[in-house]
């Protein structure tokens, strides 16, 4: 059994109780505390569940973005390797110089490349 100091009750207050009343008082206090914890537990579990759901959703979103970026990078790498394997004459036939392979694959300076092609 807890002593009065642990329960937060002064000795003066405890003197108003007989030992049996004190035991009954302490049991009721313990039961109220137990009931309060039991009522609070579902709320805590729900909050933890929401937090874990948000964390998992955010992680999945970040992983999805990372995977798509990696797949896009690999696609560009393959395309650049295929174009780099062509000789200069074939590259000229499709309208790009060897120095423009990366820009052509990644879509940078497309307007500039088109203007040069039209000017030639």
N, C-alpha and C. Protein backbone atom coordinates (compact mmCIF):
# COMPACT_ATOMS: atom_id res chain seq x y z
N UNK A 1 0.83 -1.19 0.00
CA UNK A 1 0.00 0.00 0.00
C UNK A 1 0.88 1.25 0.00
N UNK A 2 0.41 2.28 -0.72
CA UNK A 2 1.15 3.53 -0.77
C UNK A 2 1.06 4.24 0.57
N UNK A 3 2.09 4.99 0.88
CA UNK A 3 1.97 5.79 2.10
C UNK A 3 1.32 7.12 1.75
N UNK A 4 0.99 7.89 2.75
CA UNK A 4 0.25 9.14 2.52
C UNK A 4 1.05 10.13 1.70
N UNK A 5 2.39 10.15 1.87
CA UNK A 5 3.21 11.09 1.10
C UNK A 5 3.16 10.76 -0.38
N UNK A 6 3.18 9.48 -0.73
CA UNK A 6 3.13 9.08 -2.13
C UNK A 6 1.79 9.42 -2.75
N UNK A 7 0.74 9.33 -1.98
CA UNK A 7 -0.60 9.63 -2.48
C UNK A 7 -0.85 11.13 -2.54
N UNK A 8 0.05 11.93 -1.96
CA UNK A 8 -0.12 13.37 -1.97
C UNK A 8 -1.11 13.86 -0.93
N UNK A 9 -1.29 13.09 0.12
CA UNK A 9 -2.26 13.44 1.15
C UNK A 9 -1.50 13.70 2.45
N UNK A 10 -1.84 14.77 3.10
CA UNK A 10 -1.12 15.11 4.34
C UNK A 10 -1.56 14.18 5.46
N UNK A 11 -0.68 14.06 6.48
CA UNK A 11 -1.00 13.24 7.64
C UNK A 11 -2.22 13.77 8.38
N UNK A 12 -2.41 15.08 8.39
CA UNK A 12 -3.55 15.67 9.10
C UNK A 12 -4.86 15.19 8.47
N UNK A 13 -4.89 15.13 7.15
CA UNK A 13 -6.10 14.67 6.46
C UNK A 13 -6.31 13.20 6.74
N UNK A 14 -5.25 12.43 6.78
CA UNK A 14 -5.34 10.99 6.99
C UNK A 14 -5.87 10.68 8.39
N UNK A 15 -5.58 11.52 9.36
CA UNK A 15 -6.02 11.27 10.73
C UNK A 15 -7.54 11.30 10.86
N UNK A 16 -8.22 11.93 9.89
CA UNK A 16 -9.68 11.99 9.93
C UNK A 16 -10.31 10.66 9.56
N UNK A 17 -9.50 9.72 9.02
CA UNK A 17 -10.01 8.42 8.60
C UNK A 17 -9.60 7.34 9.59
N UNK A 18 -10.46 6.36 9.74
CA UNK A 18 -10.05 5.15 10.45
C UNK A 18 -9.22 4.33 9.47
N UNK A 19 -8.46 3.34 9.95
CA UNK A 19 -7.67 2.53 9.01
C UNK A 19 -8.52 1.88 7.93
N UNK A 20 -9.70 1.42 8.25
CA UNK A 20 -10.57 0.79 7.24
C UNK A 20 -11.06 1.84 6.23
N UNK A 21 -11.41 3.04 6.75
CA UNK A 21 -11.84 4.11 5.84
C UNK A 21 -10.69 4.53 4.94
N UNK A 22 -9.51 4.59 5.50
CA UNK A 22 -8.33 4.96 4.71
C UNK A 22 -8.10 3.95 3.59
N UNK A 23 -8.18 2.66 3.91
CA UNK A 23 -8.02 1.61 2.90
C UNK A 23 -9.08 1.77 1.81
N UNK A 24 -10.31 2.02 2.21
CA UNK A 24 -11.40 2.19 1.24
C UNK A 24 -11.15 3.43 0.37
N UNK A 25 -10.72 4.51 1.01
CA UNK A 25 -10.42 5.74 0.27
C UNK A 25 -9.32 5.50 -0.78
N UNK A 26 -8.26 4.83 -0.36
CA UNK A 26 -7.14 4.56 -1.27
C UNK A 26 -7.57 3.65 -2.41
N UNK A 27 -8.37 2.64 -2.13
CA UNK A 27 -8.84 1.73 -3.18
C UNK A 27 -9.71 2.48 -4.19
N UNK A 28 -10.59 3.34 -3.70
CA UNK A 28 -11.42 4.13 -4.62
C UNK A 28 -10.56 5.08 -5.46
N UNK A 29 -9.54 5.68 -4.85
CA UNK A 29 -8.64 6.58 -5.59
C UNK A 29 -7.89 5.81 -6.67
N UNK A 30 -7.43 4.63 -6.32
CA UNK A 30 -6.73 3.79 -7.31
C UNK A 30 -7.67 3.41 -8.44
N UNK A 31 -8.92 3.07 -8.08
CA UNK A 31 -9.89 2.68 -9.11
C UNK A 31 -10.21 3.86 -10.03
N UNK A 32 -10.35 5.06 -9.46
CA UNK A 32 -10.61 6.25 -10.29
C UNK A 32 -9.44 6.51 -11.24
N UNK A 33 -8.23 6.37 -10.72
CA UNK A 33 -7.05 6.57 -11.57
C UNK A 33 -7.01 5.52 -12.68
N UNK A 34 -7.31 4.28 -12.31
CA UNK A 34 -7.33 3.20 -13.31
C UNK A 34 -8.38 3.48 -14.39
N UNK A 35 -9.58 3.90 -13.97
CA UNK A 35 -10.66 4.20 -14.92
C UNK A 35 -10.27 5.37 -15.83
N UNK A 36 -9.63 6.38 -15.26
CA UNK A 36 -9.21 7.54 -16.07
C UNK A 36 -8.19 7.12 -17.12
N UNK A 37 -7.24 6.27 -16.72
CA UNK A 37 -6.26 5.76 -17.70
C UNK A 37 -6.94 4.93 -18.79
N UNK A 38 -7.92 4.12 -18.38
CA UNK A 38 -8.64 3.28 -19.35
C UNK A 38 -9.41 4.14 -20.35
N UNK A 39 -9.97 5.26 -19.88
CA UNK A 39 -10.68 6.15 -20.80
C UNK A 39 -9.72 6.88 -21.73
N UNK A 40 -8.54 7.21 -21.23
CA UNK A 40 -7.56 7.97 -22.02
C UNK A 40 -6.83 7.10 -23.02
N UNK A 41 -6.69 5.82 -22.75
CA UNK A 41 -5.90 4.95 -23.61
C UNK A 41 -6.39 4.90 -25.06
N UNK A 42 -7.70 4.77 -25.33
CA UNK A 42 -8.13 4.78 -26.74
C UNK A 42 -7.76 6.06 -27.47
N UNK A 43 -7.84 7.20 -26.78
CA UNK A 43 -7.46 8.47 -27.41
C UNK A 43 -5.98 8.50 -27.75
N UNK A 44 -5.17 8.00 -26.83
CA UNK A 44 -3.73 7.95 -27.07
C UNK A 44 -3.44 7.00 -28.23
N UNK A 45 -4.07 5.84 -28.22
CA UNK A 45 -3.86 4.87 -29.30
C UNK A 45 -4.29 5.45 -30.65
N UNK A 46 -5.40 6.16 -30.66
CA UNK A 46 -5.88 6.78 -31.91
C UNK A 46 -4.88 7.84 -32.40
N UNK A 47 -4.37 8.65 -31.48
CA UNK A 47 -3.38 9.67 -31.85
C UNK A 47 -2.10 9.04 -32.39
N UNK A 48 -1.64 7.99 -31.74
CA UNK A 48 -0.44 7.30 -32.21
C UNK A 48 -0.70 6.68 -33.58
N UNK A 49 -1.88 6.10 -33.75
CA UNK A 49 -2.23 5.52 -35.05
C UNK A 49 -2.23 6.55 -36.16
N UNK A 50 -2.80 7.72 -35.88
CA UNK A 50 -2.80 8.80 -36.89
C UNK A 50 -1.39 9.24 -37.22
N UNK A 51 -0.57 9.37 -36.18
CA UNK A 51 0.81 9.77 -36.40
C UNK A 51 1.55 8.76 -37.26
N UNK A 52 1.39 7.48 -36.95
CA UNK A 52 2.05 6.44 -37.74
C UNK A 52 1.54 6.41 -39.18
N UNK A 53 0.23 6.63 -39.36
CA UNK A 53 -0.33 6.67 -40.71
C UNK A 53 0.28 7.82 -41.51
N UNK A 54 0.34 8.99 -40.89
CA UNK A 54 0.92 10.15 -41.60
C UNK A 54 2.39 9.93 -41.92
N UNK A 55 3.10 9.34 -40.98
CA UNK A 55 4.51 9.06 -41.20
C UNK A 55 4.69 8.06 -42.35
N UNK A 56 3.88 7.01 -42.36
CA UNK A 56 3.97 6.01 -43.43
C UNK A 56 3.58 6.62 -44.78
N UNK A 57 2.53 7.43 -44.78
CA UNK A 57 2.10 8.07 -46.03
C UNK A 57 3.18 9.01 -46.57
N UNK A 58 3.78 9.80 -45.68
CA UNK A 58 4.84 10.71 -46.10
C UNK A 58 6.06 9.96 -46.62
N UNK A 59 6.39 8.87 -45.94
CA UNK A 59 7.53 8.06 -46.38
C UNK A 59 7.25 7.44 -47.73
N UNK A 60 6.03 6.91 -47.92
CA UNK A 60 5.67 6.31 -49.20
C UNK A 60 5.70 7.35 -50.32
N UNK A 61 5.22 8.54 -50.04
CA UNK A 61 5.24 9.61 -51.04
C UNK A 61 6.68 9.96 -51.42
N UNK A 62 7.53 10.10 -50.42
CA UNK A 62 8.93 10.44 -50.70
C UNK A 62 9.62 9.32 -51.47
N UNK A 63 9.34 8.08 -51.10
CA UNK A 63 9.94 6.96 -51.83
C UNK A 63 9.43 6.90 -53.27
N UNK A 64 8.15 7.18 -53.45
CA UNK A 64 7.59 7.20 -54.80
C UNK A 64 8.24 8.26 -55.67
N UNK A 65 8.40 9.44 -55.11
CA UNK A 65 9.06 10.52 -55.86
C UNK A 65 10.50 10.16 -56.20
N UNK A 66 11.18 9.59 -55.22
CA UNK A 66 12.57 9.20 -55.45
C UNK A 66 12.66 8.14 -56.54
N UNK A 67 11.77 7.17 -56.49
CA UNK A 67 11.80 6.10 -57.49
C UNK A 67 11.51 6.67 -58.88
N UNK A 68 10.53 7.55 -58.99
CA UNK A 68 10.22 8.14 -60.30
C UNK A 68 11.40 8.96 -60.82
N UNK A 69 12.06 9.70 -59.94
CA UNK A 69 13.23 10.49 -60.36
C UNK A 69 14.35 9.56 -60.83
N UNK A 70 14.56 8.47 -60.10
CA UNK A 70 15.59 7.51 -60.50
C UNK A 70 15.24 6.88 -61.85
N UNK A 71 13.98 6.49 -62.04
CA UNK A 71 13.56 5.88 -63.31
C UNK A 71 13.74 6.87 -64.47
N UNK A 72 13.40 8.14 -64.22
CA UNK A 72 13.58 9.16 -65.26
C UNK A 72 15.06 9.34 -65.59
N UNK A 73 15.91 9.36 -64.57
CA UNK A 73 17.36 9.48 -64.77
C UNK A 73 17.90 8.30 -65.57
N UNK A 74 17.46 7.08 -65.24
CA UNK A 74 17.91 5.88 -65.97
C UNK A 74 17.46 5.94 -67.43
N UNK A 75 16.23 6.39 -67.66
CA UNK A 75 15.71 6.51 -69.03
C UNK A 75 16.58 7.49 -69.83
N UNK A 76 16.92 8.62 -69.22
CA UNK A 76 17.77 9.61 -69.90
C UNK A 76 19.17 9.04 -70.15
N UNK A 77 19.71 8.32 -69.17
CA UNK A 77 21.03 7.72 -69.35
C UNK A 77 21.04 6.74 -70.53
N UNK A 78 20.00 5.90 -70.61
CA UNK A 78 19.92 4.94 -71.73
C UNK A 78 19.82 5.66 -73.07
N UNK A 79 18.98 6.71 -73.12
CA UNK A 79 18.81 7.46 -74.37
C UNK A 79 20.11 8.14 -74.78
N UNK A 80 20.83 8.72 -73.79
CA UNK A 80 22.11 9.37 -74.12
C UNK A 80 23.14 8.35 -74.59
N UNK A 81 23.14 7.17 -73.99
CA UNK A 81 24.08 6.13 -74.41
C UNK A 81 23.76 5.67 -75.83
N UNK A 82 22.48 5.53 -76.16
CA UNK A 82 22.10 5.13 -77.51
C UNK A 82 22.49 6.19 -78.54
N UNK A 83 22.26 7.45 -78.21
CA UNK A 83 22.64 8.51 -79.15
C UNK A 83 24.17 8.63 -79.26
N UNK A 84 24.87 8.46 -78.15
CA UNK A 84 26.32 8.55 -78.18
C UNK A 84 26.92 7.43 -79.02
N UNK A 85 26.21 6.32 -79.15
CA UNK A 85 26.70 5.20 -79.95
C UNK A 85 26.60 5.47 -81.45
N UNK A 86 25.78 6.46 -81.85
CA UNK A 86 25.64 6.80 -83.27
C UNK A 86 26.87 7.58 -83.75
N UNK A 87 27.16 7.47 -85.03
CA UNK A 87 28.28 8.25 -85.56
C UNK A 87 27.80 9.68 -85.83
N UNK A 88 28.75 10.58 -86.08
CA UNK A 88 28.42 11.99 -86.26
C UNK A 88 27.48 12.24 -87.42
N UNK A 89 27.62 11.46 -88.50
CA UNK A 89 26.76 11.62 -89.68
C UNK A 89 25.31 11.31 -89.32
N UNK A 90 25.09 10.24 -88.58
CA UNK A 90 23.71 9.89 -88.20
C UNK A 90 23.13 10.93 -87.24
N UNK A 91 23.97 11.43 -86.34
CA UNK A 91 23.49 12.48 -85.43
C UNK A 91 23.09 13.72 -86.22
N UNK A 92 23.88 14.06 -87.25
CA UNK A 92 23.57 15.23 -88.07
C UNK A 92 22.26 15.01 -88.82
N UNK A 93 22.01 13.75 -89.27
CA UNK A 93 20.76 13.44 -89.96
C UNK A 93 19.53 13.68 -89.07
N UNK A 94 19.67 13.45 -87.79
CA UNK A 94 18.51 13.69 -86.90
C UNK A 94 18.53 15.11 -86.31
N UNK A 95 19.53 15.90 -86.69
CA UNK A 95 19.52 17.32 -86.36
C UNK A 95 20.21 17.71 -85.07
N UNK A 96 21.12 16.88 -84.58
CA UNK A 96 21.85 17.28 -83.37
C UNK A 96 23.33 17.02 -83.54
N UNK A 97 24.13 17.81 -82.84
CA UNK A 97 25.57 17.57 -82.77
C UNK A 97 25.84 16.68 -81.57
N UNK A 98 27.02 16.10 -81.52
CA UNK A 98 27.40 15.26 -80.39
C UNK A 98 27.35 16.05 -79.08
N UNK A 99 27.68 17.33 -79.13
CA UNK A 99 27.68 18.15 -77.93
C UNK A 99 26.26 18.48 -77.45
N UNK A 100 25.26 18.21 -78.25
CA UNK A 100 23.87 18.52 -77.90
C UNK A 100 23.08 17.31 -77.43
N UNK A 101 23.75 16.16 -77.30
CA UNK A 101 23.03 14.93 -76.94
C UNK A 101 22.30 15.08 -75.61
N UNK A 102 23.00 15.53 -74.61
CA UNK A 102 22.36 15.64 -73.29
C UNK A 102 21.20 16.62 -73.32
N UNK A 103 21.39 17.75 -73.97
CA UNK A 103 20.32 18.75 -74.06
C UNK A 103 19.12 18.19 -74.81
N UNK A 104 19.39 17.41 -75.87
CA UNK A 104 18.30 16.83 -76.64
C UNK A 104 17.51 15.83 -75.81
N UNK A 105 18.21 15.02 -75.05
CA UNK A 105 17.54 14.01 -74.24
C UNK A 105 16.77 14.65 -73.09
N UNK A 106 17.37 15.58 -72.43
CA UNK A 106 16.74 16.18 -71.25
C UNK A 106 15.74 17.29 -71.60
N UNK A 107 15.70 17.66 -72.87
CA UNK A 107 14.74 18.66 -73.30
C UNK A 107 15.17 20.09 -73.07
N UNK A 108 16.42 20.29 -72.70
CA UNK A 108 16.91 21.65 -72.49
C UNK A 108 17.27 22.28 -73.82
N UNK A 109 17.05 23.55 -73.91
CA UNK A 109 17.42 24.33 -75.09
C UNK A 109 16.81 23.76 -76.37
N UNK A 110 15.64 23.17 -76.27
CA UNK A 110 15.00 22.59 -77.45
C UNK A 110 14.69 23.67 -78.48
N UNK A 111 14.23 24.84 -78.01
CA UNK A 111 13.92 25.93 -78.94
C UNK A 111 15.19 26.41 -79.66
N UNK A 112 16.29 26.50 -78.89
CA UNK A 112 17.55 26.93 -79.49
C UNK A 112 18.02 25.92 -80.54
N UNK A 113 17.89 24.63 -80.24
CA UNK A 113 18.29 23.60 -81.21
C UNK A 113 17.42 23.66 -82.46
N UNK A 114 16.11 23.92 -82.28
CA UNK A 114 15.20 24.02 -83.41
C UNK A 114 15.56 25.22 -84.27
N UNK A 115 15.88 26.34 -83.66
CA UNK A 115 16.28 27.53 -84.42
C UNK A 115 17.54 27.27 -85.23
N UNK A 116 18.53 26.58 -84.62
CA UNK A 116 19.76 26.26 -85.35
C UNK A 116 19.49 25.33 -86.51
N UNK A 117 18.60 24.39 -86.29
CA UNK A 117 18.28 23.42 -87.34
C UNK A 117 17.57 24.12 -88.50
N UNK A 118 16.66 25.04 -88.20
CA UNK A 118 15.97 25.78 -89.25
C UNK A 118 16.91 26.72 -89.98
N UNK A 119 17.89 27.27 -89.28
CA UNK A 119 18.83 28.19 -89.91
C UNK A 119 19.79 27.46 -90.85
N UNK A 120 20.04 26.18 -90.62
CA UNK A 120 21.00 25.43 -91.43
C UNK A 120 20.48 25.03 -92.76
